[in-house]
Amino acid sequence: MNVSRFTVNPFGVNTYVLWDEDSREAAIVDPGMSTQAEREALDRFIQREKLTPVHLIDTHMHVDHALGNLYIKERYGLKLEASKDDEFLGKALRNQARMFGLPVEVADHAPEIYLSDGDRIYVGKEPVDVLAVPGHSPGSIALYAPESSFVITGDALFRGSIGRTDLPGGSQSTLINSIRTRLLTLPDDTAVLPGHGPETTIGAEKRANPYL
């Protein structure tokens, strides 16, 4: 599976497009686009590669990762997939935007398809497994592609760091347990594609992440 990254909005969110070479099916993960230019850049890529988006997924529903949800829903006719445990965050996106001082309009909205630990979705013929990694938010999930050896971790695990846990529903002990039991158990050569910042590997974080 191919993965392309777009770093968007004032928070530097990594929006990912996963796509299958043969079928040209695609999944859009954490669409944080906050400007028309960012939305158009994503659209141009999808058009250039002749992709058909079939999934719209939030790893969690903090506002910086959800700013582009409604645009993608309307533009490509998709339903939002996320954890039910983060639904309360989706219903408070306006308040989140005000809290962070974001100069953008965002409407409250909830997932339409619930993703839970152990679920498996497909992009083309390739499986992507849903891993529950609560702690940064109650409903945080990671997306693991075993055949392509990568995991999208949202804001659970970063290179040399972990997600903040001081927002509603956060818990540092829960997050560290999630990382240790759900992510660090993946093969060491698994690429970690985080919600912010550069990629890393599971092995590198096992060896050197000071929080773990």
C-alpha atoms as a PDB file:
ATOM      1  CA  MET A   1       0.000   0.000   0.000  1.00  0.00           C
ATOM      2  CA  ASN A   2       1.154   3.526  -0.744  1.00  0.00           C
ATOM      3  CA  VAL A   3       1.049   6.300   1.852  1.00  0.00           C
ATOM      4  CA  SER A   4       1.209  10.027   1.163  1.00  0.00           C
ATOM      5  CA  ARG A   5       1.409  12.675   3.879  1.00  0.00           C
ATOM      6  CA  PHE A   6       0.095  16.252   3.905  1.00  0.00           C
ATOM      7  CA  THR A   7       1.115  18.440   6.843  1.00  0.00           C
ATOM      8  CA  VAL A   8      -1.654  20.967   7.425  1.00  0.00           C
ATOM      9  CA  ASN A   9      -3.123  23.673   9.682  1.00  0.00           C
ATOM     10  CA  PRO A  10      -1.430  25.716  12.418  1.00  0.00           C
ATOM     11  CA  PHE A  11      -0.896  22.593  14.542  1.00  0.00           C
ATOM     12  CA  GLY A  12       1.088  20.752  11.850  1.00  0.00           C
ATOM     13  CA  VAL A  13      -1.252  17.776  11.638  1.00  0.00           C
ATOM     14  CA  ASN A  14      -0.184  14.918   9.400  1.00  0.00           C
ATOM     15  CA  THR A  15      -3.098  14.038   7.132  1.00  0.00           C
ATOM     16  CA  TYR A  16      -2.503  10.685   5.433  1.00  0.00           C
ATOM     17  CA  VAL A  17      -3.832   9.207   2.212  1.00  0.00           C
ATOM     18  CA  LEU A  18      -3.478   5.422   2.013  1.00  0.00           C
ATOM     19  CA  TRP A  19      -3.992   4.014  -1.436  1.00  0.00           C
ATOM     20  CA  ASP A  20      -3.901   0.745  -3.297  1.00  0.00           C
ATOM     21  CA  GLU A  21      -1.852   0.660  -6.486  1.00  0.00           C
ATOM     22  CA  ASP A  22      -4.150  -1.725  -8.347  1.00  0.00           C
ATOM     23  CA  SER A  23      -7.681  -0.706  -7.388  1.00  0.00           C
ATOM     24  CA  ARG A  24      -6.812   2.983  -6.742  1.00  0.00           C
ATOM     25  CA  GLU A  25      -9.015   2.859  -3.649  1.00  0.00           C
ATOM     26  CA  ALA A  26      -7.934   5.257  -0.932  1.00  0.00           C
ATOM     27  CA  ALA A  27      -8.480   6.066   2.729  1.00  0.00           C
ATOM     28  CA  ILE A  28      -8.152   9.621   4.036  1.00  0.00           C
ATOM     29  CA  VAL A  29      -6.994   9.700   7.656  1.00  0.00           C
ATOM     30  CA  ASP A  30      -7.186  12.730   9.968  1.00  0.00           C
ATOM     31  CA  PRO A  31      -8.130  15.409   7.418  1.00  0.00           C
ATOM     32  CA  GLY A  32      -6.968  18.513   9.258  1.00  0.00           C
ATOM     33  CA  MET A  33      -7.098  20.926   6.324  1.00  0.00           C
ATOM     34  CA  SER A  34      -8.059  24.404   7.519  1.00  0.00           C
ATOM     35  CA  THR A  35      -7.646  26.487   4.336  1.00  0.00           C
ATOM     36  CA  GLN A  36      -8.860  26.336   0.775  1.00  0.00           C
ATOM     37  CA  ALA A  37      -5.270  25.894  -0.423  1.00  0.00           C
ATOM     38  CA  GLU A  38      -4.826  22.825   1.780  1.00  0.00           C
ATOM     39  CA  ARG A  39      -8.094  21.327   0.581  1.00  0.00           C
ATOM     40  CA  GLU A  40      -7.189  21.960  -3.058  1.00  0.00           C
ATOM     41  CA  ALA A  41      -3.748  20.367  -2.634  1.00  0.00           C
ATOM     42  CA  LEU A  42      -5.361  17.171  -1.374  1.00  0.00           C
ATOM     43  CA  ASP A  43      -7.940  17.199  -4.166  1.00  0.00           C
ATOM     44  CA  ARG A  44      -5.260  17.698  -6.821  1.00  0.00           C
ATOM     45  CA  PHE A  45      -3.328  14.729  -5.493  1.00  0.00           C
ATOM     46  CA  ILE A  46      -6.404  12.506  -5.525  1.00  0.00           C
ATOM     47  CA  GLN A  47      -7.252  13.582  -9.061  1.00  0.00           C
ATOM     48  CA  ARG A  48      -3.697  13.215 -10.336  1.00  0.00           C
ATOM     49  CA  GLU A  49      -3.376   9.693  -8.961  1.00  0.00           C
ATOM     50  CA  LYS A  50      -6.906   8.802 -10.131  1.00  0.00           C
ATOM     51  CA  LEU A  51      -7.889   7.656  -6.646  1.00  0.00           C
ATOM     52  CA  THR A  52     -11.325   6.726  -5.354  1.00  0.00           C
ATOM     53  CA  PRO A  53     -11.626   7.539  -1.643  1.00  0.00           C
ATOM     54  CA  VAL A  54     -13.583   4.820   0.160  1.00  0.00           C
ATOM     55  CA  HIS A  55     -12.799   5.581   3.818  1.00  0.00           C
ATOM     56  CA  LEU A  56     -12.689   8.743   5.928  1.00  0.00           C
ATOM     57  CA  ILE A  57     -11.136   7.966   9.311  1.00  0.00           C
ATOM     58  CA  ASP A  58     -10.271   9.997  12.397  1.00  0.00           C
ATOM     59  CA  THR A  59      -7.721   8.443  14.742  1.00  0.00           C
ATOM     60  CA  HIS A  60      -9.335  10.671  17.382  1.00  0.00           C
ATOM     61  CA  MET A  61     -11.671  13.640  17.376  1.00  0.00           C
ATOM     62  CA  HIS A  62      -9.575  16.539  18.596  1.00  0.00           C
ATOM     63  CA  VAL A  63     -10.359  19.537  16.446  1.00  0.00           C
ATOM     64  CA  ASP A  64      -6.968  19.832  14.740  1.00  0.00           C
ATOM     65  CA  HIS A  65      -7.437  16.356  13.234  1.00  0.00           C
ATOM     66  CA  ALA A  66     -11.081  16.913  12.267  1.00  0.00           C
ATOM     67  CA  LEU A  67     -11.166  20.307  10.556  1.00  0.00           C
ATOM     68  CA  GLY A  68     -11.537  18.794   7.090  1.00  0.00           C
ATOM     69  CA  ASN A  69     -14.020  16.048   7.915  1.00  0.00           C
ATOM     70  CA  LEU A  70     -17.142  17.733   6.590  1.00  0.00           C
ATOM     71  CA  TYR A  71     -15.401  18.868   3.414  1.00  0.00           C
ATOM     72  CA  ILE A  72     -14.225  15.317   2.664  1.00  0.00           C
ATOM     73  CA  LYS A  73     -17.654  13.891   3.524  1.00  0.00           C
ATOM     74  CA  GLU A  74     -19.363  16.189   1.049  1.00  0.00           C
ATOM     75  CA  ARG A  75     -16.699  16.153  -1.654  1.00  0.00           C
ATOM     76  CA  TYR A  76     -16.335  12.371  -1.834  1.00  0.00           C
ATOM     77  CA  GLY A  77     -19.617  11.100  -0.382  1.00  0.00           C
ATOM     78  CA  LEU A  78     -18.047   9.332   2.586  1.00  0.00           C
ATOM     79  CA  LYS A  79     -19.166   8.609   6.132  1.00  0.00           C
ATOM     80  CA  LEU A  80     -16.915   9.485   9.043  1.00  0.00           C
ATOM     81  CA  GLU A  81     -15.375   6.458  10.772  1.00  0.00           C
ATOM     82  CA  ALA A  82     -14.055   6.845  14.325  1.00  0.00           C
ATOM     83  CA  SER A  83     -14.461   5.456  17.812  1.00  0.00           C
ATOM     84  CA  LYS A  84     -17.753   5.908  19.642  1.00  0.00           C
ATOM     85  CA  ASP A  85     -15.708   6.780  22.724  1.00  0.00           C
ATOM     86  CA  ASP A  86     -14.647  10.050  21.057  1.00  0.00           C
ATOM     87  CA  GLU A  87     -18.159  11.006  19.990  1.00  0.00           C
ATOM     88  CA  PHE A  88     -18.381  13.524  22.850  1.00  0.00           C
ATOM     89  CA  LEU A  89     -15.373  15.330  21.370  1.00  0.00           C
ATOM     90  CA  GLY A  90     -16.967  15.476  17.938  1.00  0.00           C
ATOM     91  CA  LYS A  91     -20.035  17.040  19.490  1.00  0.00           C
ATOM     92  CA  ALA A  92     -17.845  19.749  21.048  1.00  0.00           C
ATOM     93  CA  LEU A  93     -15.666  20.725  18.085  1.00  0.00           C
ATOM     94  CA  ARG A  94     -16.820  24.355  18.162  1.00  0.00           C
ATOM     95  CA  ASN A  95     -15.818  24.642  21.798  1.00  0.00           C
ATOM     96  CA  GLN A  96     -12.482  22.978  21.056  1.00  0.00           C
ATOM     97  CA  ALA A  97     -11.769  25.494  18.303  1.00  0.00           C
ATOM     98  CA  ARG A  98     -12.549  28.379  20.654  1.00  0.00           C
ATOM     99  CA  MET A  99     -10.405  26.865  23.396  1.00  0.00           C
ATOM    100  CA  PHE A 100      -7.394  26.672  21.090  1.00  0.00           C
ATOM    101  CA  GLY A 101      -8.061  30.081  19.536  1.00  0.00           C
ATOM    102  CA  LEU A 102      -8.450  28.684  16.027  1.00  0.00           C
ATOM    103  CA  PRO A 103      -9.648  31.368  13.581  1.00  0.00           C
ATOM    104  CA  VAL A 104     -11.785  28.878  11.642  1.00  0.00           C
ATOM    105  CA  GLU A 105     -15.403  27.809  11.635  1.00  0.00           C
ATOM    106  CA  VAL A 106     -16.070  24.167  12.394  1.00  0.00           C
ATOM    107  CA  ALA A 107     -19.405  22.445  12.949  1.00  0.00           C
ATOM    108  CA  ASP A 108     -19.979  19.844  15.633  1.00  0.00           C
ATOM    109  CA  HIS A 109     -20.376  16.366  14.145  1.00  0.00           C
ATOM    110  CA  ALA A 110     -20.163  12.742  15.242  1.00  0.00           C
ATOM    111  CA  PRO A 111     -18.891   9.512  13.687  1.00  0.00           C
ATOM    112  CA  GLU A 112     -21.350   7.704  11.448  1.00  0.00           C
ATOM    113  CA  ILE A 113     -19.475   4.400  11.441  1.00  0.00           C
ATOM    114  CA  TYR A 114     -17.971   3.279  14.736  1.00  0.00           C
ATOM    115  CA  LEU A 115     -14.534   1.677  14.696  1.00  0.00           C
ATOM    116  CA  SER A 116     -13.568  -0.604  17.574  1.00  0.00           C
ATOM    117  CA  ASP A 117     -10.517  -2.543  18.639  1.00  0.00           C
ATOM    118  CA  GLY A 118     -10.083  -5.617  16.450  1.00  0.00           C
ATOM    119  CA  ASP A 119     -12.005  -4.262  13.488  1.00  0.00           C
ATOM    120  CA  ARG A 120     -10.475  -4.763  10.058  1.00  0.00           C
ATOM    121  CA  ILE A 121     -11.080  -2.513   7.071  1.00  0.00           C
ATOM    122  CA  TYR A 122      -9.712  -2.821   3.549  1.00  0.00           C
ATOM    123  CA  VAL A 123      -8.083  -0.423   1.122  1.00  0.00           C
ATOM    124  CA  GLY A 124      -8.261  -2.364  -2.092  1.00  0.00           C
ATOM    125  CA  LYS A 125      -7.420  -5.926  -1.063  1.00  0.00           C
ATOM    126  CA  GLU A 126      -5.050  -4.934   1.728  1.00  0.00           C
ATOM    127  CA  PRO A 127      -6.212  -5.158   5.338  1.00  0.00           C
ATOM    128  CA  VAL A 128      -5.863  -2.399   7.884  1.00  0.00           C
ATOM    129  CA  ASP A 129      -6.415  -3.373  11.516  1.00  0.00           C
ATOM    130  CA  VAL A 130      -7.926  -1.063  14.133  1.00  0.00           C
ATOM    131  CA  LEU A 131      -6.056  -0.955  17.444  1.00  0.00           C
ATOM    132  CA  ALA A 132      -7.558   0.820  20.445  1.00  0.00           C
ATOM    133  CA  VAL A 133      -4.911   3.057  22.037  1.00  0.00           C
ATOM    134  CA  PRO A 134      -6.821   5.186  24.581  1.00  0.00           C
ATOM    135  CA  GLY A 135      -5.088   7.724  26.768  1.00  0.00           C
ATOM    136  CA  HIS A 136      -4.602  10.821  24.622  1.00  0.00           C
ATOM    137  CA  SER A 137      -8.364  10.649  24.202  1.00  0.00           C
ATOM    138  CA  PRO A 138     -10.740   7.892  25.312  1.00  0.00           C
ATOM    139  CA  GLY A 139     -11.397   6.770  21.734  1.00  0.00           C
ATOM    140  CA  SER A 140      -7.947   7.074  20.195  1.00  0.00           C
ATOM    141  CA  ILE A 141      -7.224   4.375  17.632  1.00  0.00           C
ATOM    142  CA  ALA A 142      -4.208   3.333  15.591  1.00  0.00           C
ATOM    143  CA  LEU A 143      -4.364   1.880  12.081  1.00  0.00           C
ATOM    144  CA  TYR A 144      -1.989  -1.025  11.433  1.00  0.00           C
ATOM    145  CA  ALA A 145      -1.262  -2.304   7.927  1.00  0.00           C
ATOM    146  CA  PRO A 146       0.545  -5.614   8.570  1.00  0.00           C
ATOM    147  CA  GLU A 147       1.309  -6.384   4.923  1.00  0.00           C
ATOM    148  CA  SER A 148       2.908  -2.973   4.361  1.00  0.00           C
ATOM    149  CA  SER A 149       4.467  -2.814   7.835  1.00  0.00           C
ATOM    150  CA  PHE A 150       3.294   0.578   9.049  1.00  0.00           C
ATOM    151  CA  VAL A 151       1.036   1.914  11.771  1.00  0.00           C
ATOM    152  CA  ILE A 152      -0.674   5.306  11.891  1.00  0.00           C
ATOM    153  CA  THR A 153      -0.645   6.221  15.569  1.00  0.00           C
ATOM    154  CA  GLY A 154      -2.540   9.520  15.691  1.00  0.00           C
ATOM    155  CA  ASP A 155      -1.413  11.401  18.793  1.00  0.00           C
ATOM    156  CA  ALA A 156      -0.630   8.317  20.868  1.00  0.00           C
ATOM    157  CA  LEU A 157       3.037   7.811  19.925  1.00  0.00           C
ATOM    158  CA  PHE A 158       5.543  10.208  18.365  1.00  0.00           C
ATOM    159  CA  ARG A 159       9.252  10.016  17.638  1.00  0.00           C
ATOM    160  CA  GLY A 160      10.793  10.355  21.073  1.00  0.00           C
ATOM    161  CA  SER A 161       7.540  11.375  22.736  1.00  0.00           C
ATOM    162  CA  ILE A 162       3.931  10.487  23.488  1.00  0.00           C
ATOM    163  CA  GLY A 163       0.643  12.362  23.260  1.00  0.00           C
ATOM    164  CA  ARG A 164      -0.468  14.933  25.802  1.00  0.00           C
ATOM    165  CA  THR A 165      -2.954  13.723  28.375  1.00  0.00           C
ATOM    166  CA  ASP A 166      -4.214  16.968  29.921  1.00  0.00           C
ATOM    167  CA  LEU A 167      -7.254  17.315  27.637  1.00  0.00           C
ATOM    168  CA  PRO A 168     -10.753  15.984  28.505  1.00  0.00           C
ATOM    169  CA  GLY A 169     -10.700  12.208  28.900  1.00  0.00           C
ATOM    170  CA  GLY A 170      -6.905  11.973  28.832  1.00  0.00           C
ATOM    171  CA  SER A 171      -4.902   9.676  31.098  1.00  0.00           C
ATOM    172  CA  GLN A 172      -1.136   9.266  31.066  1.00  0.00           C
ATOM    173  CA  SER A 173      -1.160   5.851  32.723  1.00  0.00           C
ATOM    174  CA  THR A 174      -3.780   4.625  30.248  1.00  0.00           C
ATOM    175  CA  LEU A 175      -1.797   5.978  27.305  1.00  0.00           C
ATOM    176  CA  ILE A 176       1.481   4.402  28.381  1.00  0.00           C
ATOM    177  CA  ASN A 177      -0.286   1.071  28.896  1.00  0.00           C
ATOM    178  CA  SER A 178      -1.869   1.366  25.439  1.00  0.00           C
ATOM    179  CA  ILE A 179       1.483   2.045  23.801  1.00  0.00           C
ATOM    180  CA  ARG A 180       3.241  -0.777  25.626  1.00  0.00           C
ATOM    181  CA  THR A 181       0.567  -3.401  25.044  1.00  0.00           C
ATOM    182  CA  ARG A 182      -0.814  -2.457  21.608  1.00  0.00           C
ATOM    183  CA  LEU A 183       1.988  -0.678  19.733  1.00  0.00           C
ATOM    184  CA  LEU A 184       5.333  -1.849  21.115  1.00  0.00           C
ATOM    185  CA  THR A 185       4.189  -5.439  20.563  1.00  0.00           C
ATOM    186  CA  LEU A 186       4.261  -4.845  16.784  1.00  0.00           C
ATOM    187  CA  PRO A 187       7.375  -5.912  14.838  1.00  0.00           C
ATOM    188  CA  ASP A 188      10.393  -3.649  15.436  1.00  0.00           C
ATOM    189  CA  ASP A 189      10.661  -2.696  11.761  1.00  0.00           C
ATOM    190  CA  THR A 190       7.078  -1.354  11.668  1.00  0.00           C
ATOM    191  CA  ALA A 191       7.091   2.270  10.496  1.00  0.00           C
ATOM    192  CA  VAL A 192       5.316   4.622  12.893  1.00  0.00           C
ATOM    193  CA  LEU A 193       3.415   7.384  11.095  1.00  0.00           C
ATOM    194  CA  PRO A 194       2.355   9.854  13.814  1.00  0.00           C
ATOM    195  CA  GLY A 195      -0.244  12.585  13.895  1.00  0.00           C
ATOM    196  CA  HIS A 196       2.456  15.264  14.130  1.00  0.00           C
ATOM    197  CA  GLY A 197       6.141  15.308  13.298  1.00  0.00           C
ATOM    198  CA  PRO A 198       8.455  12.848  11.538  1.00  0.00           C
ATOM    199  CA  GLU A 199       8.040   9.118  11.272  1.00  0.00           C
ATOM    200  CA  THR A 200       9.952   6.616  13.335  1.00  0.00           C
ATOM    201  CA  THR A 201       9.870   2.854  13.949  1.00  0.00           C
ATOM    202  CA  ILE A 202       8.562   0.664  16.720  1.00  0.00           C
ATOM    203  CA  GLY A 203      12.091  -0.594  17.400  1.00  0.00           C
ATOM    204  CA  ALA A 204      13.497   2.916  17.723  1.00  0.00           C
ATOM    205  CA  GLU A 205      10.819   3.904  20.245  1.00  0.00           C
ATOM    206  CA  LYS A 206      11.385   0.746  22.268  1.00  0.00           C
ATOM    207  CA  ARG A 207      15.074   1.586  22.530  1.00  0.00           C
ATOM    208  CA  ALA A 208      15.077   5.337  23.051  1.00  0.00           C
ATOM    209  CA  ASN A 209      11.677   6.877  23.863  1.00  0.00           C
ATOM    210  CA  PRO A 210      12.217   8.479  27.303  1.00  0.00           C
ATOM    211  CA  TYR A 211       8.522   8.195  28.227  1.00  0.00           C
ATOM    212  CA  LEU A 212       8.478   4.433  27.799  1.00  0.00           C
END
